[in-house]
Amino acid sequence: MRTVPFPEQGVTVAKGYWVSVYRVIKDSERLAAYDELARVAVQAGGGRLLSRDGRVTAYEQGVAERTIVIEFDSFEQAVATRESAAYQEALAALGDAVERDFRIVEGLG
């Protein structure tokens, strides 16, 4: 776990992470359009792609499908990026092209 120090304030802020697991991909063309728009929105929000389309081993009720992990400098930054107009445009392009589990989690601070 990495934290972002703010020495002038004497505090650190826990990172924020987007974790998205795609259960079903119904329309790969719409997913590709979403990917491009989402990439721009994530970069504008300061997010860094950590994992995408790599190897997945699923356990218990997990699915071994496309899994995306994106890191932000703070939980608040991750939420703000998800709520941004740019990301909302990406979601509109995606529509119902996928079924996924998307969540934002806070790293340990």
PDB file of N, CA and C in Angstrom:
ATOM      1  N   MET A   1       0.826  -1.166   0.000  1.00  0.00           N
ATOM      2  CA  MET A   1       0.000   0.000   0.000  1.00  0.00           C
ATOM      3  C   MET A   1       0.877   1.239   0.000  1.00  0.00           C
ATOM      4  N   ARG A   2       0.521   2.178  -0.837  1.00  0.00           N
ATOM      5  CA  ARG A   2       1.236   3.450  -0.873  1.00  0.00           C
ATOM      6  C   ARG A   2       0.293   4.543  -0.401  1.00  0.00           C
ATOM      7  N   THR A   3       0.826   5.533   0.268  1.00  0.00           N
ATOM      8  CA  THR A   3       0.037   6.686   0.661  1.00  0.00           C
ATOM      9  C   THR A   3       0.687   7.929   0.092  1.00  0.00           C
ATOM     10  N   VAL A   4      -0.095   8.976   0.006  1.00  0.00           N
ATOM     11  CA  VAL A   4       0.396  10.238  -0.524  1.00  0.00           C
ATOM     12  C   VAL A   4       0.636  11.179   0.648  1.00  0.00           C
ATOM     13  N   PRO A   5       1.892  11.555   0.898  1.00  0.00           N
ATOM     14  CA  PRO A   5       2.168  12.430   2.031  1.00  0.00           C
ATOM     15  C   PRO A   5       1.880  13.902   1.706  1.00  0.00           C
ATOM     16  N   PHE A   6       1.426  14.599   2.701  1.00  0.00           N
ATOM     17  CA  PHE A   6       1.273  16.044   2.628  1.00  0.00           C
ATOM     18  C   PHE A   6       2.090  16.603   3.789  1.00  0.00           C
ATOM     19  N   PRO A   7       3.419  16.709   3.600  1.00  0.00           N
ATOM     20  CA  PRO A   7       4.299  17.068   4.717  1.00  0.00           C
ATOM     21  C   PRO A   7       3.925  18.380   5.388  1.00  0.00           C
ATOM     22  N   GLU A   8       3.442  19.321   4.610  1.00  0.00           N
ATOM     23  CA  GLU A   8       3.126  20.617   5.203  1.00  0.00           C
ATOM     24  C   GLU A   8       1.950  20.517   6.167  1.00  0.00           C
ATOM     25  N   GLN A   9       1.146  19.464   6.040  1.00  0.00           N
ATOM     26  CA  GLN A   9      -0.001  19.278   6.928  1.00  0.00           C
ATOM     27  C   GLN A   9       0.232  18.141   7.917  1.00  0.00           C
ATOM     28  N   GLY A  10       1.282  17.349   7.702  1.00  0.00           N
ATOM     29  CA  GLY A  10       1.591  16.254   8.608  1.00  0.00           C
ATOM     30  C   GLY A  10       0.635  15.077   8.522  1.00  0.00           C
ATOM     31  N   VAL A  11      -0.048  14.894   7.385  1.00  0.00           N
ATOM     32  CA  VAL A  11      -0.994  13.786   7.238  1.00  0.00           C
ATOM     33  C   VAL A  11      -0.727  13.040   5.941  1.00  0.00           C
ATOM     34  N   THR A  12      -1.245  11.840   5.878  1.00  0.00           N
ATOM     35  CA  THR A  12      -1.226  11.086   4.635  1.00  0.00           C
ATOM     36  C   THR A  12      -2.663  10.754   4.262  1.00  0.00           C
ATOM     37  N   VAL A  13      -2.896  10.553   2.981  1.00  0.00           N
ATOM     38  CA  VAL A  13      -4.228  10.258   2.467  1.00  0.00           C
ATOM     39  C   VAL A  13      -4.204   8.873   1.848  1.00  0.00           C
ATOM     40  N   ALA A  14      -5.184   8.057   2.200  1.00  0.00           N
ATOM     41  CA  ALA A  14      -5.269   6.709   1.636  1.00  0.00           C
ATOM     42  C   ALA A  14      -5.657   6.792   0.165  1.00  0.00           C
ATOM     43  N   LYS A  15      -5.076   5.926  -0.626  1.00  0.00           N
ATOM     44  CA  LYS A  15      -5.388   5.845  -2.052  1.00  0.00           C
ATOM     45  C   LYS A  15      -6.829   5.386  -2.236  1.00  0.00           C
ATOM     46  N   GLY A  16      -7.371   5.638  -3.431  1.00  0.00           N
ATOM     47  CA  GLY A  16      -8.675   5.121  -3.821  1.00  0.00           C
ATOM     48  C   GLY A  16      -8.490   4.232  -5.036  1.00  0.00           C
ATOM     49  N   TYR A  17      -9.287   3.182  -5.130  1.00  0.00           N
ATOM     50  CA  TYR A  17      -9.165   2.226  -6.229  1.00  0.00           C
ATOM     51  C   TYR A  17     -10.523   1.941  -6.856  1.00  0.00           C
ATOM     52  N   TRP A  18     -10.551   1.956  -8.179  1.00  0.00           N
ATOM     53  CA  TRP A  18     -11.701   1.434  -8.910  1.00  0.00           C
ATOM     54  C   TRP A  18     -11.405  -0.037  -9.167  1.00  0.00           C
ATOM     55  N   VAL A  19     -12.355  -0.892  -8.859  1.00  0.00           N
ATOM     56  CA  VAL A  19     -12.223  -2.315  -9.154  1.00  0.00           C
ATOM     57  C   VAL A  19     -13.474  -2.708  -9.946  1.00  0.00           C
ATOM     58  N   SER A  20     -13.255  -3.210 -11.134  1.00  0.00           N
ATOM     59  CA  SER A  20     -14.365  -3.535 -12.017  1.00  0.00           C
ATOM     60  C   SER A  20     -14.162  -4.941 -12.589  1.00  0.00           C
ATOM     61  N   VAL A  21     -15.159  -5.807 -12.369  1.00  0.00           N
ATOM     62  CA  VAL A  21     -15.118  -7.169 -12.891  1.00  0.00           C
ATOM     63  C   VAL A  21     -16.281  -7.330 -13.864  1.00  0.00           C
ATOM     64  N   TYR A  22     -15.946  -7.684 -15.071  1.00  0.00           N
ATOM     65  CA  TYR A  22     -16.947  -7.835 -16.125  1.00  0.00           C
ATOM     66  C   TYR A  22     -17.468  -9.262 -16.114  1.00  0.00           C
ATOM     67  N   ARG A  23     -18.726  -9.432 -15.761  1.00  0.00           N
ATOM     68  CA  ARG A  23     -19.333 -10.756 -15.714  1.00  0.00           C
ATOM     69  C   ARG A  23     -19.742 -11.217 -17.107  1.00  0.00           C
ATOM     70  N   VAL A  24     -20.313 -10.297 -17.892  1.00  0.00           N
ATOM     71  CA  VAL A  24     -20.769 -10.616 -19.243  1.00  0.00           C
ATOM     72  C   VAL A  24     -20.470  -9.426 -20.139  1.00  0.00           C
ATOM     73  N   ILE A  25     -19.909  -9.684 -21.316  1.00  0.00           N
ATOM     74  CA  ILE A  25     -19.718  -8.646 -22.334  1.00  0.00           C
ATOM     75  C   ILE A  25     -20.653  -8.972 -23.487  1.00  0.00           C
ATOM     76  N   LYS A  26     -21.654  -8.116 -23.682  1.00  0.00           N
ATOM     77  CA  LYS A  26     -22.679  -8.347 -24.702  1.00  0.00           C
ATOM     78  C   LYS A  26     -22.347  -7.679 -26.032  1.00  0.00           C
ATOM     79  N   ASP A  27     -21.629  -6.564 -25.982  1.00  0.00           N
ATOM     80  CA  ASP A  27     -21.354  -5.783 -27.190  1.00  0.00           C
ATOM     81  C   ASP A  27     -19.935  -5.224 -27.109  1.00  0.00           C
ATOM     82  N   SER A  28     -19.007  -5.885 -27.782  1.00  0.00           N
ATOM     83  CA  SER A  28     -17.599  -5.487 -27.690  1.00  0.00           C
ATOM     84  C   SER A  28     -17.323  -4.151 -28.377  1.00  0.00           C
ATOM     85  N   GLU A  29     -18.116  -3.773 -29.381  1.00  0.00           N
ATOM     86  CA  GLU A  29     -17.915  -2.474 -30.041  1.00  0.00           C
ATOM     87  C   GLU A  29     -18.270  -1.328 -29.102  1.00  0.00           C
ATOM     88  N   ARG A  30     -19.371  -1.445 -28.396  1.00  0.00           N
ATOM     89  CA  ARG A  30     -19.742  -0.410 -27.430  1.00  0.00           C
ATOM     90  C   ARG A  30     -18.756  -0.386 -26.266  1.00  0.00           C
ATOM     91  N   LEU A  31     -18.252  -1.546 -25.882  1.00  0.00           N
ATOM     92  CA  LEU A  31     -17.237  -1.598 -24.834  1.00  0.00           C
ATOM     93  C   LEU A  31     -15.969  -0.870 -25.286  1.00  0.00           C
ATOM     94  N   ALA A  32     -15.584  -1.031 -26.539  1.00  0.00           N
ATOM     95  CA  ALA A  32     -14.394  -0.348 -27.073  1.00  0.00           C
ATOM     96  C   ALA A  32     -14.598   1.169 -27.063  1.00  0.00           C
ATOM     97  N   ALA A  33     -15.805   1.629 -27.417  1.00  0.00           N
ATOM     98  CA  ALA A  33     -16.103   3.065 -27.389  1.00  0.00           C
ATOM     99  C   ALA A  33     -16.024   3.584 -25.949  1.00  0.00           C
ATOM    100  N   TYR A  34     -16.581   2.823 -25.014  1.00  0.00           N
ATOM    101  CA  TYR A  34     -16.506   3.180 -23.599  1.00  0.00           C
ATOM    102  C   TYR A  34     -15.048   3.248 -23.141  1.00  0.00           C
ATOM    103  N   ASP A  35     -14.259   2.242 -23.503  1.00  0.00           N
ATOM    104  CA  ASP A  35     -12.856   2.190 -23.082  1.00  0.00           C
ATOM    105  C   ASP A  35     -12.118   3.469 -23.445  1.00  0.00           C
ATOM    106  N   GLU A  36     -12.326   3.942 -24.660  1.00  0.00           N
ATOM    107  CA  GLU A  36     -11.632   5.157 -25.108  1.00  0.00           C
ATOM    108  C   GLU A  36     -12.073   6.371 -24.295  1.00  0.00           C
ATOM    109  N   LEU A  37     -13.376   6.536 -24.123  1.00  0.00           N
ATOM    110  CA  LEU A  37     -13.889   7.678 -23.355  1.00  0.00           C
ATOM    111  C   LEU A  37     -13.492   7.567 -21.880  1.00  0.00           C
ATOM    112  N   ALA A  38     -13.570   6.369 -21.329  1.00  0.00           N
ATOM    113  CA  ALA A  38     -13.216   6.168 -19.924  1.00  0.00           C
ATOM    114  C   ALA A  38     -11.731   6.431 -19.688  1.00  0.00           C
ATOM    115  N   ARG A  39     -10.888   6.018 -20.622  1.00  0.00           N
ATOM    116  CA  ARG A  39      -9.439   6.259 -20.495  1.00  0.00           C
ATOM    117  C   ARG A  39      -9.164   7.747 -20.352  1.00  0.00           C
ATOM    118  N   VAL A  40      -9.799   8.555 -21.191  1.00  0.00           N
ATOM    119  CA  VAL A  40      -9.603  10.004 -21.138  1.00  0.00           C
ATOM    120  C   VAL A  40     -10.102  10.563 -19.799  1.00  0.00           C
ATOM    121  N   ALA A  41     -11.268  10.108 -19.356  1.00  0.00           N
ATOM    122  CA  ALA A  41     -11.837  10.586 -18.090  1.00  0.00           C
ATOM    123  C   ALA A  41     -10.961  10.198 -16.906  1.00  0.00           C
ATOM    124  N   VAL A  42     -10.462   8.972 -16.912  1.00  0.00           N
ATOM    125  CA  VAL A  42      -9.615   8.495 -15.815  1.00  0.00           C
ATOM    126  C   VAL A  42      -8.302   9.273 -15.781  1.00  0.00           C
ATOM    127  N   GLN A  43      -7.695   9.479 -16.924  1.00  0.00           N
ATOM    128  CA  GLN A  43      -6.447  10.244 -16.967  1.00  0.00           C
ATOM    129  C   GLN A  43      -6.673  11.673 -16.482  1.00  0.00           C
ATOM    130  N   ALA A  44      -7.786  12.281 -16.896  1.00  0.00           N
ATOM    131  CA  ALA A  44      -8.098  13.646 -16.458  1.00  0.00           C
ATOM    132  C   ALA A  44      -8.304  13.702 -14.950  1.00  0.00           C
ATOM    133  N   GLY A  45      -8.812  12.617 -14.370  1.00  0.00           N
ATOM    134  CA  GLY A  45      -9.042  12.560 -12.934  1.00  0.00           C
ATOM    135  C   GLY A  45      -7.825  12.126 -12.134  1.00  0.00           C
ATOM    136  N   GLY A  46      -6.716  11.865 -12.818  1.00  0.00           N
ATOM    137  CA  GLY A  46      -5.489  11.484 -12.134  1.00  0.00           C
ATOM    138  C   GLY A  46      -5.356   9.995 -11.861  1.00  0.00           C
ATOM    139  N   GLY A  47      -6.210   9.176 -12.481  1.00  0.00           N
ATOM    140  CA  GLY A  47      -6.159   7.735 -12.262  1.00  0.00           C
ATOM    141  C   GLY A  47      -5.045   7.066 -13.049  1.00  0.00           C
ATOM    142  N   ARG A  48      -4.563   5.944 -12.507  1.00  0.00           N
ATOM    143  CA  ARG A  48      -3.515   5.157 -13.147  1.00  0.00           C
ATOM    144  C   ARG A  48      -3.989   3.714 -13.274  1.00  0.00           C
ATOM    145  N   LEU A  49      -3.964   3.205 -14.480  1.00  0.00           N
ATOM    146  CA  LEU A  49      -4.368   1.833 -14.749  1.00  0.00           C
ATOM    147  C   LEU A  49      -3.325   0.873 -14.183  1.00  0.00           C
ATOM    148  N   LEU A  50      -3.744  -0.022 -13.290  1.00  0.00           N
ATOM    149  CA  LEU A  50      -2.826  -0.989 -12.694  1.00  0.00           C
ATOM    150  C   LEU A  50      -2.977  -2.378 -13.295  1.00  0.00           C
ATOM    151  N   SER A  51      -4.195  -2.720 -13.709  1.00  0.00           N
ATOM    152  CA  SER A  51      -4.441  -4.061 -14.237  1.00  0.00           C
ATOM    153  C   SER A  51      -5.585  -4.011 -15.236  1.00  0.00           C
ATOM    154  N   ARG A  52      -5.381  -4.718 -16.363  1.00  0.00           N
ATOM    155  CA  ARG A  52      -6.441  -4.789 -17.369  1.00  0.00           C
ATOM    156  C   ARG A  52      -6.193  -6.001 -18.260  1.00  0.00           C
ATOM    157  N   ASP A  53      -7.187  -6.841 -18.383  1.00  0.00           N
ATOM    158  CA  ASP A  53      -7.170  -7.972 -19.309  1.00  0.00           C
ATOM    159  C   ASP A  53      -5.999  -8.927 -19.098  1.00  0.00           C
ATOM    160  N   GLY A  54      -5.449  -8.934 -17.902  1.00  0.00           N
ATOM    161  CA  GLY A  54      -4.375  -9.878 -17.608  1.00  0.00           C
ATOM    162  C   GLY A  54      -4.950 -11.219 -17.161  1.00  0.00           C
ATOM    163  N   ARG A  55      -4.089 -12.053 -16.688  1.00  0.00           N
ATOM    164  CA  ARG A  55      -4.521 -13.365 -16.215  1.00  0.00           C
ATOM    165  C   ARG A  55      -5.347 -13.216 -14.937  1.00  0.00           C
ATOM    166  N   VAL A  56      -6.404 -14.019 -14.835  1.00  0.00           N
ATOM    167  CA  VAL A  56      -7.285 -14.011 -13.674  1.00  0.00           C
ATOM    168  C   VAL A  56      -7.523 -15.449 -13.236  1.00  0.00           C
ATOM    169  N   THR A  57      -7.370 -15.705 -11.975  1.00  0.00           N
ATOM    170  CA  THR A  57      -7.776 -16.980 -11.393  1.00  0.00           C
ATOM    171  C   THR A  57      -8.860 -16.660 -10.373  1.00  0.00           C
ATOM    172  N   ALA A  58     -10.051 -17.178 -10.593  1.00  0.00           N
ATOM    173  CA  ALA A  58     -11.188 -16.866  -9.723  1.00  0.00           C
ATOM    174  C   ALA A  58     -11.400 -17.984  -8.705  1.00  0.00           C
ATOM    175  N   TYR A  59     -11.794 -17.595  -7.503  1.00  0.00           N
ATOM    176  CA  TYR A  59     -12.107 -18.538  -6.439  1.00  0.00           C
ATOM    177  C   TYR A  59     -13.499 -18.253  -5.916  1.00  0.00           C
ATOM    178  N   GLU A  60     -14.057 -19.238  -5.234  1.00  0.00           N
ATOM    179  CA  GLU A  60     -15.384 -19.142  -4.634  1.00  0.00           C
ATOM    180  C   GLU A  60     -16.402 -18.751  -5.696  1.00  0.00           C
ATOM    181  N   GLN A  61     -17.140 -17.667  -5.543  1.00  0.00           N
ATOM    182  CA  GLN A  61     -18.136 -17.287  -6.547  1.00  0.00           C
ATOM    183  C   GLN A  61     -17.599 -16.274  -7.559  1.00  0.00           C
ATOM    184  N   GLY A  62     -16.300 -16.074  -7.592  1.00  0.00           N
ATOM    185  CA  GLY A  62     -15.689 -15.137  -8.527  1.00  0.00           C
ATOM    186  C   GLY A  62     -15.777 -15.614  -9.961  1.00  0.00           C
ATOM    187  N   VAL A  63     -15.575 -14.711 -10.882  1.00  0.00           N
ATOM    188  CA  VAL A  63     -15.569 -15.035 -12.300  1.00  0.00           C
ATOM    189  C   VAL A  63     -14.207 -14.687 -12.881  1.00  0.00           C
ATOM    190  N   ALA A  64     -13.715 -15.544 -13.744  1.00  0.00           N
ATOM    191  CA  ALA A  64     -12.404 -15.325 -14.368  1.00  0.00           C
ATOM    192  C   ALA A  64     -12.611 -14.567 -15.672  1.00  0.00           C
ATOM    193  N   GLU A  65     -13.045 -13.341 -15.550  1.00  0.00           N
ATOM    194  CA  GLU A  65     -13.302 -12.477 -16.700  1.00  0.00           C
ATOM    195  C   GLU A  65     -12.466 -11.213 -16.582  1.00  0.00           C
ATOM    196  N   ARG A  66     -12.657 -10.344 -17.540  1.00  0.00           N
ATOM    197  CA  ARG A  66     -11.949  -9.064 -17.580  1.00  0.00           C
ATOM    198  C   ARG A  66     -12.054  -8.359 -16.232  1.00  0.00           C
ATOM    199  N   THR A  67     -10.900  -8.017 -15.673  1.00  0.00           N
ATOM    200  CA  THR A  67     -10.846  -7.320 -14.396  1.00  0.00           C
ATOM    201  C   THR A  67      -9.947  -6.101 -14.550  1.00  0.00           C
ATOM    202  N   ILE A  68     -10.453  -4.958 -14.102  1.00  0.00           N
ATOM    203  CA  ILE A  68      -9.746  -3.686 -14.224  1.00  0.00           C
ATOM    204  C   ILE A  68      -9.496  -3.135 -12.819  1.00  0.00           C
ATOM    205  N   VAL A  69      -8.276  -2.660 -12.561  1.00  0.00           N
ATOM    206  CA  VAL A  69      -7.959  -1.981 -11.307  1.00  0.00           C
ATOM    207  C   VAL A  69      -7.285  -0.657 -11.662  1.00  0.00           C
ATOM    208  N   ILE A  70      -7.848   0.428 -11.127  1.00  0.00           N
ATOM    209  CA  ILE A  70      -7.323   1.771 -11.374  1.00  0.00           C
ATOM    210  C   ILE A  70      -7.064   2.431 -10.027  1.00  0.00           C
ATOM    211  N   GLU A  71      -5.902   3.049  -9.890  1.00  0.00           N
ATOM    212  CA  GLU A  71      -5.500   3.699  -8.643  1.00  0.00           C
ATOM    213  C   GLU A  71      -5.614   5.216  -8.764  1.00  0.00           C
ATOM    214  N   PHE A  72      -6.114   5.837  -7.697  1.00  0.00           N
ATOM    215  CA  PHE A  72      -6.174   7.297  -7.581  1.00  0.00           C
ATOM    216  C   PHE A  72      -5.438   7.701  -6.312  1.00  0.00           C
ATOM    217  N   ASP A  73      -5.016   8.941  -6.237  1.00  0.00           N
ATOM    218  CA  ASP A  73      -4.263   9.416  -5.082  1.00  0.00           C
ATOM    219  C   ASP A  73      -5.097   9.463  -3.804  1.00  0.00           C
ATOM    220  N   SER A  74      -6.437   9.492  -3.945  1.00  0.00           N
ATOM    221  CA  SER A  74      -7.305   9.473  -2.762  1.00  0.00           C
ATOM    222  C   SER A  74      -8.648   8.857  -3.131  1.00  0.00           C
ATOM    223  N   PHE A  75      -9.360   8.405  -2.118  1.00  0.00           N
ATOM    224  CA  PHE A  75     -10.709   7.871  -2.301  1.00  0.00           C
ATOM    225  C   PHE A  75     -11.613   8.948  -2.901  1.00  0.00           C
ATOM    226  N   GLU A  76     -11.489  10.162  -2.378  1.00  0.00           N
ATOM    227  CA  GLU A  76     -12.321  11.271  -2.862  1.00  0.00           C
ATOM    228  C   GLU A  76     -12.075  11.551  -4.344  1.00  0.00           C
ATOM    229  N   GLN A  77     -10.832  11.466  -4.765  1.00  0.00           N
ATOM    230  CA  GLN A  77     -10.496  11.678  -6.171  1.00  0.00           C
ATOM    231  C   GLN A  77     -11.123  10.579  -7.032  1.00  0.00           C
ATOM    232  N   ALA A  78     -11.118   9.353  -6.539  1.00  0.00           N
ATOM    233  CA  ALA A  78     -11.729   8.245  -7.272  1.00  0.00           C
ATOM    234  C   ALA A  78     -13.226   8.459  -7.437  1.00  0.00           C
ATOM    235  N   VAL A  79     -13.898   8.883  -6.368  1.00  0.00           N
ATOM    236  CA  VAL A  79     -15.338   9.134  -6.432  1.00  0.00           C
ATOM    237  C   VAL A  79     -15.638  10.318  -7.351  1.00  0.00           C
ATOM    238  N   ALA A  80     -14.872  11.383  -7.239  1.00  0.00           N
ATOM    239  CA  ALA A  80     -15.096  12.565  -8.078  1.00  0.00           C
ATOM    240  C   ALA A  80     -14.934  12.230  -9.560  1.00  0.00           C
ATOM    241  N   THR A  81     -13.969  11.400  -9.886  1.00  0.00           N
ATOM    242  CA  THR A  81     -13.766  11.008 -11.280  1.00  0.00           C
ATOM    243  C   THR A  81     -14.944  10.190 -11.773  1.00  0.00           C
ATOM    244  N   ARG A  82     -15.456   9.277 -10.940  1.00  0.00           N
ATOM    245  CA  ARG A  82     -16.625   8.469 -11.312  1.00  0.00           C
ATOM    246  C   ARG A  82     -17.837   9.355 -11.568  1.00  0.00           C
ATOM    247  N   GLU A  83     -17.964  10.442 -10.823  1.00  0.00           N
ATOM    248  CA  GLU A  83     -19.112  11.343 -10.950  1.00  0.00           C
ATOM    249  C   GLU A  83     -18.897  12.441 -11.989  1.00  0.00           C
ATOM    250  N   SER A  84     -17.719  12.518 -12.587  1.00  0.00           N
ATOM    251  CA  SER A  84     -17.405  13.586 -13.539  1.00  0.00           C
ATOM    252  C   SER A  84     -18.238  13.484 -14.809  1.00  0.00           C
ATOM    253  N   ALA A  85     -18.410  14.609 -15.467  1.00  0.00           N
ATOM    254  CA  ALA A  85     -19.152  14.642 -16.729  1.00  0.00           C
ATOM    255  C   ALA A  85     -18.481  13.763 -17.783  1.00  0.00           C
ATOM    256  N   ALA A  86     -17.166  13.764 -17.815  1.00  0.00           N
ATOM    257  CA  ALA A  86     -16.442  12.958 -18.806  1.00  0.00           C
ATOM    258  C   ALA A  86     -16.703  11.468 -18.607  1.00  0.00           C
ATOM    259  N   TYR A  87     -16.715  11.011 -17.356  1.00  0.00           N
ATOM    260  CA  TYR A  87     -16.966   9.593 -17.125  1.00  0.00           C
ATOM    261  C   TYR A  87     -18.435   9.252 -17.348  1.00  0.00           C
ATOM    262  N   GLN A  88     -19.318  10.174 -17.054  1.00  0.00           N
ATOM    263  CA  GLN A  88     -20.743   9.940 -17.318  1.00  0.00           C
ATOM    264  C   GLN A  88     -20.990   9.769 -18.818  1.00  0.00           C
ATOM    265  N   GLU A  89     -20.242  10.493 -19.628  1.00  0.00           N
ATOM    266  CA  GLU A  89     -20.317  10.325 -21.083  1.00  0.00           C
ATOM    267  C   GLU A  89     -19.862   8.920 -21.480  1.00  0.00           C
ATOM    268  N   ALA A  90     -18.806   8.445 -20.853  1.00  0.00           N
ATOM    269  CA  ALA A  90     -18.327   7.089 -21.130  1.00  0.00           C
ATOM    270  C   ALA A  90     -19.381   6.056 -20.750  1.00  0.00           C
ATOM    271  N   LEU A  91     -20.015   6.239 -19.595  1.00  0.00           N
ATOM    272  CA  LEU A  91     -21.062   5.309 -19.169  1.00  0.00           C
ATOM    273  C   LEU A  91     -22.240   5.311 -20.127  1.00  0.00           C
ATOM    274  N   ALA A  92     -22.590   6.483 -20.648  1.00  0.00           N
ATOM    275  CA  ALA A  92     -23.691   6.557 -21.614  1.00  0.00           C
ATOM    276  C   ALA A  92     -23.344   5.775 -22.870  1.00  0.00           C
ATOM    277  N   ALA A  93     -22.096   5.845 -23.302  1.00  0.00           N
ATOM    278  CA  ALA A  93     -21.667   5.089 -24.486  1.00  0.00           C
ATOM    279  C   ALA A  93     -21.703   3.581 -24.213  1.00  0.00           C
ATOM    280  N   LEU A  94     -21.411   3.193 -22.990  1.00  0.00           N
ATOM    281  CA  LEU A  94     -21.409   1.777 -22.621  1.00  0.00           C
ATOM    282  C   LEU A  94     -22.822   1.213 -22.549  1.00  0.00           C
ATOM    283  N   GLY A  95     -23.729   1.984 -21.965  1.00  0.00           N
ATOM    284  CA  GLY A  95     -25.113   1.528 -21.849  1.00  0.00           C
ATOM    285  C   GLY A  95     -25.202   0.168 -21.182  1.00  0.00           C
ATOM    286  N   ASP A  96     -25.967  -0.727 -21.815  1.00  0.00           N
ATOM    287  CA  ASP A  96     -26.148  -2.069 -21.263  1.00  0.00           C
ATOM    288  C   ASP A  96     -25.292  -3.106 -21.986  1.00  0.00           C
ATOM    289  N   ALA A  97     -24.163  -2.671 -22.532  1.00  0.00           N
ATOM    290  CA  ALA A  97     -23.290  -3.558 -23.306  1.00  0.00           C
ATOM    291  C   ALA A  97     -22.564  -4.584 -22.447  1.00  0.00           C
ATOM    292  N   VAL A  98     -22.541  -4.370 -21.128  1.00  0.00           N
ATOM    293  CA  VAL A  98     -21.870  -5.296 -20.229  1.00  0.00           C
ATOM    294  C   VAL A  98     -22.680  -5.470 -18.951  1.00  0.00           C
ATOM    295  N   GLU A  99     -22.374  -6.548 -18.256  1.00  0.00           N
ATOM    296  CA  GLU A  99     -22.805  -6.721 -16.868  1.00  0.00           C
ATOM    297  C   GLU A  99     -21.521  -6.786 -16.069  1.00  0.00           C
ATOM    298  N   ARG A 100     -21.381  -5.876 -15.107  1.00  0.00           N
ATOM    299  CA  ARG A 100     -20.141  -5.836 -14.355  1.00  0.00           C
ATOM    300  C   ARG A 100     -20.395  -5.467 -12.912  1.00  0.00           C
ATOM    301  N   ASP A 101     -19.429  -5.784 -12.102  1.00  0.00           N
ATOM    302  CA  ASP A 101     -19.406  -5.399 -10.701  1.00  0.00           C
ATOM    303  C   ASP A 101     -18.366  -4.291 -10.604  1.00  0.00           C
ATOM    304  N   PHE A 102     -18.830  -3.068 -10.320  1.00  0.00           N
ATOM    305  CA  PHE A 102     -17.939  -1.909 -10.235  1.00  0.00           C
ATOM    306  C   PHE A 102     -18.017  -1.365  -8.824  1.00  0.00           C
ATOM    307  N   ARG A 103     -16.860  -1.137  -8.227  1.00  0.00           N
ATOM    308  CA  ARG A 103     -16.850  -0.542  -6.912  1.00  0.00           C
ATOM    309  C   ARG A 103     -15.620   0.343  -6.730  1.00  0.00           C
ATOM    310  N   ILE A 104     -15.740   1.259  -5.794  1.00  0.00           N
ATOM    311  CA  ILE A 104     -14.608   2.104  -5.417  1.00  0.00           C
ATOM    312  C   ILE A 104     -14.261   1.742  -3.987  1.00  0.00           C
ATOM    313  N   VAL A 105     -12.987   1.433  -3.772  1.00  0.00           N
ATOM    314  CA  VAL A 105     -12.554   1.042  -2.422  1.00  0.00           C
ATOM    315  C   VAL A 105     -11.428   1.954  -1.965  1.00  0.00           C
ATOM    316  N   GLU A 106     -11.361   2.154  -0.666  1.00  0.00           N
ATOM    317  CA  GLU A 106     -10.308   2.960  -0.073  1.00  0.00           C
ATOM    318  C   GLU A 106      -9.165   2.063   0.374  1.00  0.00           C
ATOM    319  N   GLY A 107      -7.958   2.458   0.020  1.00  0.00           N
ATOM    320  CA  GLY A 107      -6.785   1.730   0.487  1.00  0.00           C
ATOM    321  C   GLY A 107      -6.566   1.989   1.970  1.00  0.00           C
ATOM    322  N   LEU A 108      -5.723   1.197   2.560  1.00  0.00           N
ATOM    323  CA  LEU A 108      -5.397   1.388   3.969  1.00  0.00           C
ATOM    324  C   LEU A 108      -4.466   2.584   4.098  1.00  0.00           C
ATOM    325  N   GLY A 109      -4.764   3.471   4.998  1.00  0.00           N
ATOM    326  CA  GLY A 109      -3.991   4.701   5.128  1.00  0.00           C
ATOM    327  C   GLY A 109      -3.042   4.708   6.181  1.00  0.00           C
TER     328      GLY A 109
END
